Amino acid sequence: MSHDIKIGDVFVETWGYDQTNVDFFEVIRTMPKTVEIVRIRAEEVGVGHDVKLVPKLGHSIGQRRRKLVQFQDVNRNKVGPREEKLEPFLAMTSYSTAFLWDGKSAYHDTIAAGYPGH
């Protein structure tokens, strides 16, 4: 299945066991079934315990990576009649997945925010 992801689109990956870590990836090349991405910096917005992250476009901090674009039905757990709606995602590791960024800031835990043991 092909995708309609464009250069400049951003994927967000959240992961962690006892804390929430957030990484952003910018699409720098597209192919019919894959995309090439690079991790980009994030900047904090908000204050105190309400600090969230947004991507800092164009500020890469990693190696290029090629990932297969996969799809999941976002209505798969809906009860009753439903319309199939497929959402693209990237399997990043055995424990994390990246989804297209919705333009909203992402919550994360930080040591500075007062979360002991992280």
C-alpha atoms as a PDB file:
ATOM      1  CA  MET A   1       0.000   0.000   0.000  1.00  0.00           C
ATOM      2  CA  SER A   2       1.401   3.408  -0.914  1.00  0.00           C
ATOM      3  CA  HIS A   3       1.187   6.493   1.302  1.00  0.00           C
ATOM      4  CA  ASP A   4       0.667  10.240   0.923  1.00  0.00           C
ATOM      5  CA  ILE A   5       3.385  11.356   3.337  1.00  0.00           C
ATOM      6  CA  LYS A   6       5.294  14.432   2.147  1.00  0.00           C
ATOM      7  CA  ILE A   7       8.780  15.830   2.690  1.00  0.00           C
ATOM      8  CA  GLY A   8       8.610  18.020   5.778  1.00  0.00           C
ATOM      9  CA  ASP A   9       5.963  15.943   7.556  1.00  0.00           C
ATOM     10  CA  VAL A  10       6.833  15.179  11.170  1.00  0.00           C
ATOM     11  CA  PHE A  11       6.423  11.933  13.085  1.00  0.00           C
ATOM     12  CA  VAL A  12       6.374  11.813  16.885  1.00  0.00           C
ATOM     13  CA  GLU A  13       7.538   8.833  18.914  1.00  0.00           C
ATOM     14  CA  THR A  14       6.677   8.508  22.603  1.00  0.00           C
ATOM     15  CA  TRP A  15       8.227   5.783  24.692  1.00  0.00           C
ATOM     16  CA  GLY A  16       9.300   4.852  28.186  1.00  0.00           C
ATOM     17  CA  TYR A  17       8.398   2.594  31.078  1.00  0.00           C
ATOM     18  CA  ASP A  18       8.150   4.810  34.145  1.00  0.00           C
ATOM     19  CA  GLN A  19       8.494   8.115  32.315  1.00  0.00           C
ATOM     20  CA  THR A  20       7.445   9.519  28.949  1.00  0.00           C
ATOM     21  CA  ASN A  21      10.165  10.318  26.416  1.00  0.00           C
ATOM     22  CA  VAL A  22       9.360  12.110  23.167  1.00  0.00           C
ATOM     23  CA  ASP A  23      11.350  12.145  19.912  1.00  0.00           C
ATOM     24  CA  PHE A  24      10.439  13.952  16.696  1.00  0.00           C
ATOM     25  CA  PHE A  25      11.453  12.879  13.181  1.00  0.00           C
ATOM     26  CA  GLU A  26      11.228  14.957   9.997  1.00  0.00           C
ATOM     27  CA  VAL A  27      10.601  13.279   6.640  1.00  0.00           C
ATOM     28  CA  ILE A  28      13.416  14.208   4.268  1.00  0.00           C
ATOM     29  CA  ARG A  29      12.670  11.788   1.399  1.00  0.00           C
ATOM     30  CA  THR A  30       9.741   9.664   0.314  1.00  0.00           C
ATOM     31  CA  MET A  31       9.598   6.476  -1.703  1.00  0.00           C
ATOM     32  CA  PRO A  32       6.482   4.427  -2.616  1.00  0.00           C
ATOM     33  CA  LYS A  33       6.472   2.278   0.552  1.00  0.00           C
ATOM     34  CA  THR A  34       9.144   3.879   2.728  1.00  0.00           C
ATOM     35  CA  VAL A  35      10.277   7.246   4.031  1.00  0.00           C
ATOM     36  CA  GLU A  36      13.670   8.559   4.990  1.00  0.00           C
ATOM     37  CA  ILE A  37      13.614  10.429   8.283  1.00  0.00           C
ATOM     38  CA  VAL A  38      16.015  12.277  10.543  1.00  0.00           C
ATOM     39  CA  ARG A  39      15.585  12.972  14.243  1.00  0.00           C
ATOM     40  CA  ILE A  40      15.114  16.663  14.988  1.00  0.00           C
ATOM     41  CA  ARG A  41      15.480  18.791  18.084  1.00  0.00           C
ATOM     42  CA  ALA A  42      12.536  19.560  20.300  1.00  0.00           C
ATOM     43  CA  GLU A  43      11.907  22.698  22.292  1.00  0.00           C
ATOM     44  CA  GLU A  44      10.005  23.044  25.534  1.00  0.00           C
ATOM     45  CA  VAL A  45       6.885  25.177  25.785  1.00  0.00           C
ATOM     46  CA  GLY A  46       4.982  25.910  28.982  1.00  0.00           C
ATOM     47  CA  VAL A  47       6.104  26.236  32.584  1.00  0.00           C
ATOM     48  CA  GLY A  48       6.475  24.076  35.679  1.00  0.00           C
ATOM     49  CA  HIS A  49       4.745  20.702  35.490  1.00  0.00           C
ATOM     50  CA  ASP A  50       2.959  21.787  32.295  1.00  0.00           C
ATOM     51  CA  VAL A  51       6.094  21.718  30.141  1.00  0.00           C
ATOM     52  CA  LYS A  52       5.501  20.097  26.755  1.00  0.00           C
ATOM     53  CA  LEU A  53       7.571  19.617  23.615  1.00  0.00           C
ATOM     54  CA  VAL A  54       7.218  20.770  20.017  1.00  0.00           C
ATOM     55  CA  PRO A  55       9.551  19.894  17.127  1.00  0.00           C
ATOM     56  CA  LYS A  56      12.182  22.370  15.984  1.00  0.00           C
ATOM     57  CA  LEU A  57      11.963  21.894  12.218  1.00  0.00           C
ATOM     58  CA  GLY A  58      15.184  21.903  10.257  1.00  0.00           C
ATOM     59  CA  HIS A  59      17.367  21.196  13.318  1.00  0.00           C
ATOM     60  CA  SER A  60      18.448  17.590  12.797  1.00  0.00           C
ATOM     61  CA  ILE A  61      20.366  15.702  15.484  1.00  0.00           C
ATOM     62  CA  GLY A  62      20.819  12.274  14.060  1.00  0.00           C
ATOM     63  CA  GLN A  63      21.569   9.960  11.192  1.00  0.00           C
ATOM     64  CA  ARG A  64      19.176   9.428   8.318  1.00  0.00           C
ATOM     65  CA  ARG A  65      17.014   6.349   8.754  1.00  0.00           C
ATOM     66  CA  ARG A  66      14.783   4.579   6.258  1.00  0.00           C
ATOM     67  CA  LYS A  67      11.508   3.209   7.622  1.00  0.00           C
ATOM     68  CA  LEU A  68       8.683   1.188   6.121  1.00  0.00           C
ATOM     69  CA  VAL A  69       5.365   3.033   6.267  1.00  0.00           C
ATOM     70  CA  GLN A  70       2.736   0.800   7.848  1.00  0.00           C
ATOM     71  CA  PHE A  71      -0.947   1.431   8.465  1.00  0.00           C
ATOM     72  CA  GLN A  72      -3.369   0.771  11.285  1.00  0.00           C
ATOM     73  CA  ASP A  73      -7.126   1.152  11.353  1.00  0.00           C
ATOM     74  CA  VAL A  74      -7.788   3.916  13.893  1.00  0.00           C
ATOM     75  CA  ASN A  75     -11.369   2.686  14.337  1.00  0.00           C
ATOM     76  CA  ARG A  76     -10.349  -0.963  14.941  1.00  0.00           C
ATOM     77  CA  ASN A  77     -11.649  -1.032  18.529  1.00  0.00           C
ATOM     78  CA  LYS A  78     -14.861   0.870  17.828  1.00  0.00           C
ATOM     79  CA  VAL A  79     -18.048  -1.018  18.685  1.00  0.00           C
ATOM     80  CA  GLY A  80     -20.832  -1.136  16.107  1.00  0.00           C
ATOM     81  CA  PRO A  81     -20.788   0.025  12.475  1.00  0.00           C
ATOM     82  CA  ARG A  82     -17.562   1.702  11.510  1.00  0.00           C
ATOM     83  CA  GLU A  83     -15.715   3.040   8.529  1.00  0.00           C
ATOM     84  CA  GLU A  84     -12.144   1.885   8.030  1.00  0.00           C
ATOM     85  CA  LYS A  85      -9.746   4.798   8.516  1.00  0.00           C
ATOM     86  CA  LEU A  86      -6.078   3.989   8.040  1.00  0.00           C
ATOM     87  CA  GLU A  87      -3.378   5.963   9.838  1.00  0.00           C
ATOM     88  CA  PRO A  88       0.290   5.696   8.810  1.00  0.00           C
ATOM     89  CA  PHE A  89       2.908   4.791  11.397  1.00  0.00           C
ATOM     90  CA  LEU A  90       6.575   3.840  11.607  1.00  0.00           C
ATOM     91  CA  ALA A  91       7.837   0.971  13.778  1.00  0.00           C
ATOM     92  CA  MET A  92      10.860   2.625  15.399  1.00  0.00           C
ATOM     93  CA  THR A  93      12.050  -0.057  17.844  1.00  0.00           C
ATOM     94  CA  SER A  94      10.649  -3.198  19.432  1.00  0.00           C
ATOM     95  CA  TYR A  95       9.012  -0.977  22.075  1.00  0.00           C
ATOM     96  CA  SER A  96       8.025   2.196  20.237  1.00  0.00           C
ATOM     97  CA  THR A  97       6.028   3.489  17.287  1.00  0.00           C
ATOM     98  CA  ALA A  98       5.959   6.913  15.633  1.00  0.00           C
ATOM     99  CA  PHE A  99       2.771   8.512  14.327  1.00  0.00           C
ATOM    100  CA  LEU A 100       2.235  11.618  12.230  1.00  0.00           C
ATOM    101  CA  TRP A 101       2.470  14.649  14.484  1.00  0.00           C
ATOM    102  CA  ASP A 102      -0.919  16.342  14.971  1.00  0.00           C
ATOM    103  CA  GLY A 103       0.563  19.808  15.496  1.00  0.00           C
ATOM    104  CA  LYS A 104      -0.029  19.773  19.248  1.00  0.00           C
ATOM    105  CA  SER A 105       2.663  19.859  21.898  1.00  0.00           C
ATOM    106  CA  ALA A 106       3.615  16.495  23.381  1.00  0.00           C
ATOM    107  CA  TYR A 107       3.747  15.730  27.117  1.00  0.00           C
ATOM    108  CA  HIS A 108       6.964  14.362  28.563  1.00  0.00           C
ATOM    109  CA  ASP A 109       8.510  13.763  31.989  1.00  0.00           C
ATOM    110  CA  THR A 110      11.707  15.502  33.020  1.00  0.00           C
ATOM    111  CA  ILE A 111      14.033  15.296  35.970  1.00  0.00           C
ATOM    112  CA  ALA A 112      13.889  19.077  36.260  1.00  0.00           C
ATOM    113  CA  ALA A 113      10.124  18.925  36.537  1.00  0.00           C
ATOM    114  CA  GLY A 114      10.482  17.030  39.802  1.00  0.00           C
ATOM    115  CA  TYR A 115       9.986  13.400  38.883  1.00  0.00           C
ATOM    116  CA  PRO A 116      12.390  11.542  41.206  1.00  0.00           C
ATOM    117  CA  GLY A 117      13.991   8.388  39.930  1.00  0.00           C
ATOM    118  CA  HIS A 118      13.930   9.318  36.241  1.00  0.00           C
END
